[in-house]
Amino acid sequence: MKHSYPPDFLVHQQGRHRPHVGPLGLGAFLLLALVSFLMAFITKPANRLRTPLAQTAPATPKLNVLLVVSDDLGTQLSCYGDKVMKTPNLDQLAVEGTRFSKAYVTQASFSPSRSSMLTGLYPHQNGQIGLAYKGSTYEMKAGVQTLPTLLKAAGYRTGILGKLHVYPESAFRFATKETWFFTNDVQKTADRAKTFFTASTEPFFLMVNYNDPHRRFRKQVAGLPATPLTGADVPTWYFQSSVNGPGQRDSIAGYYNGVKRIDEGVGMLMQALKAAGKDHNTLVIFLGDHGSPFARSKQTNYEAGVRVPFLVRLPGQGRPNFTSNALISTVDIVPTVLDATGVAIPAGLAGRSFKQVLNGPGYVRRDALCTEYTSHIFSKGYYFPRRTVTDGRYKLIVNLLPGRVFGGAASDNDNAPTFAAEPRYNNTLVRTVFNTLKTPPAEELYDLNVDPFEFTNLAGQTSGVNKEKQDELRAKLLKWRQDTQDPLLDPAQLKALTDRHDNPGGTTPVAARASLSAAANTEQPAAASLHLEVSPNPTSGVCTVTGAATNGRVEICVVDVRSGRVIALETVAAEGGFRRVYLLKRYGPGVYVVKARSSQGQVQSRRLVVE
């Protein structure tokens, strides 16, 4: 059957005749056109398929990570409101990134604190509950995952400048390790870092650990700071209720000179990063490992000890010149770095990523944050388990062994507790706060809004807001301890750990039972059954210790006289003689004491000078 078409079926247009398609033929026409188009397309040469839409965009380079940690640095920076000294380079880092005003370490002791930074776990979880040194028996549990190991597995080049001081060191897969490098020389540190930055195009993770402002305080290193402060330039410590005595202001000035050196060093480090062309693609995190090396700060759970400066710069993503008052912990570093670099975050971490704080709104804040302390040096005096919790305003400290005397009150040989005991401080706040430091009650409660230095204990009230807050925080602390499986919740484990420190016995090292007092000792004569010889080389800093005893074992301890720092501590078999070699040069010039104690209690010590 023939169809009748309208007269305009053939329409003339630009010299061509095209069919006019009526409503009934539209579908058939489109189908025919589509088939024709596809046939023509697939017969074209393959190289004609290369259109701009088919080109692959260049991959975005992986984010580098620079973690910078200062030893014994509290919040004494001008960007945190300190008025004693300007820290322009760290202030600039705060302007370019985020400044956290309520950032906390897990424990105010070197090794436990850093173990948390690199594992995302609290010390009681990872096992590093005290200072790592030979013979201390403090070390992480087997199988704990660490940040450098996780990043290395993800294709990152990993490195560390400065001491690690967490055991076992084999748990940290740093491809480049200069752990005994003298980082007080901040220009050399920046130069070493620049070499690392430019060594490869692979994404990197570098941890830079500055020694400053740890004791012993150095007035200048390599000419820095150019104008050192003296005792006349600084006030006494606010968190010590301004206790004072001979040399105290000089020590505080020495601390500030270290802070100034750190500030200049960070400026050099940022310039090295920029010169390497990596500043635009590097996450920078700067913090202190705990508070200053003074009483009521380091080795305590007071704010001066556990609250630290914490600055983060995330180029292209972070919020510049932003201050966050979110409660942040150093257990958050691992998940944050992994989140920012796109590496899978392992299950079971105690920390949580704060990347969202850097990017903008949406971060769910903690309603409480916890810290802890178990021990520092392995000894009866320094073992003083406590746990704390804060909601940002109120803070509860729970001392697990109330009535016990805290032997670490004179942190790093700070003389403040001695001054506080003098008659001139009878019936004063100074005496009260230092007595509390030495023999604290079972619980301490502070309102940080009105009592930021924690002088007035509000615990123990029978009614009212303070009692309600104490009960609330106690419940939150208990839940945290349960969630993180704190072994000291078990009375049997608490007793066992206490017995281990109080009555070490056997061959367990008695870490500095007399070690810290060795700094004040003069040479002691040889005992009949113990022989000790120390052969120092003042120039090379190598110290050879030899000796013998009639039977049993000998405990050897090496102490830096000025800082009281234990350099080495180990127990050796004495029969047949012993020989140990210590490279003291790595700790810097100074006066050292080598002390030996036999299993019969006989003691000898020798003093030596390293130039």
Foldseek 3Di string as FASTA:
>chain_A
DDDDDDPVQWPDDPNDTDGDDDPVCPVVVVVVVVVVVVVVVVPDDPVVVDDPVPDDDDDDAFFAEEEEAEEAAAACEVCLPHDLDHLVQVNVLQQQFEWENAEWFQALAQAQRLVLLFQLAHCLQQQQQAWDFPQQPGAGDPPGATQQVLVVVVFAQEEEAEASRHPPPVNHDHPYYDHLDQCLPLLVLLVVVLCVLQVDPTHYYYYYYHHPPAPPQDQDDPCAPVDQDALVSDFADVLLVRQDDPCRSRRVSSRVSRVNSVSVSSVSNLVSCVVSVNNQRYKYKYKYSFHHQFFLARLDPACRTTGMIIGIHGHPAFDGNHYDHFNHYSSQNSQQVCVSRVRDDDPDRPHHHPSDVGRDPDDDGDQKDKHWHAAYGLALQRGWTWMKMDRSFKIKIFTPDAPAFRNCRGGLVNCLLVSCPDPVNPPHLSVQVSVCSGGNGRMFMDGCVVCVSRSDGPPDDPDDDSPVVNVVRVVVRVVVCVSSVNVVVDVVVVVVSSCCRHPVDDQRFNGPPVQLVQLVDAWDDDDPFKDWDWDADQEQQKIKIKIAGPFAKKWKWKAFNRRSDTNHIHIGGHHPMDMDIDRCPSVPWGKMKIKMAGPVGDIGIHIDTHD
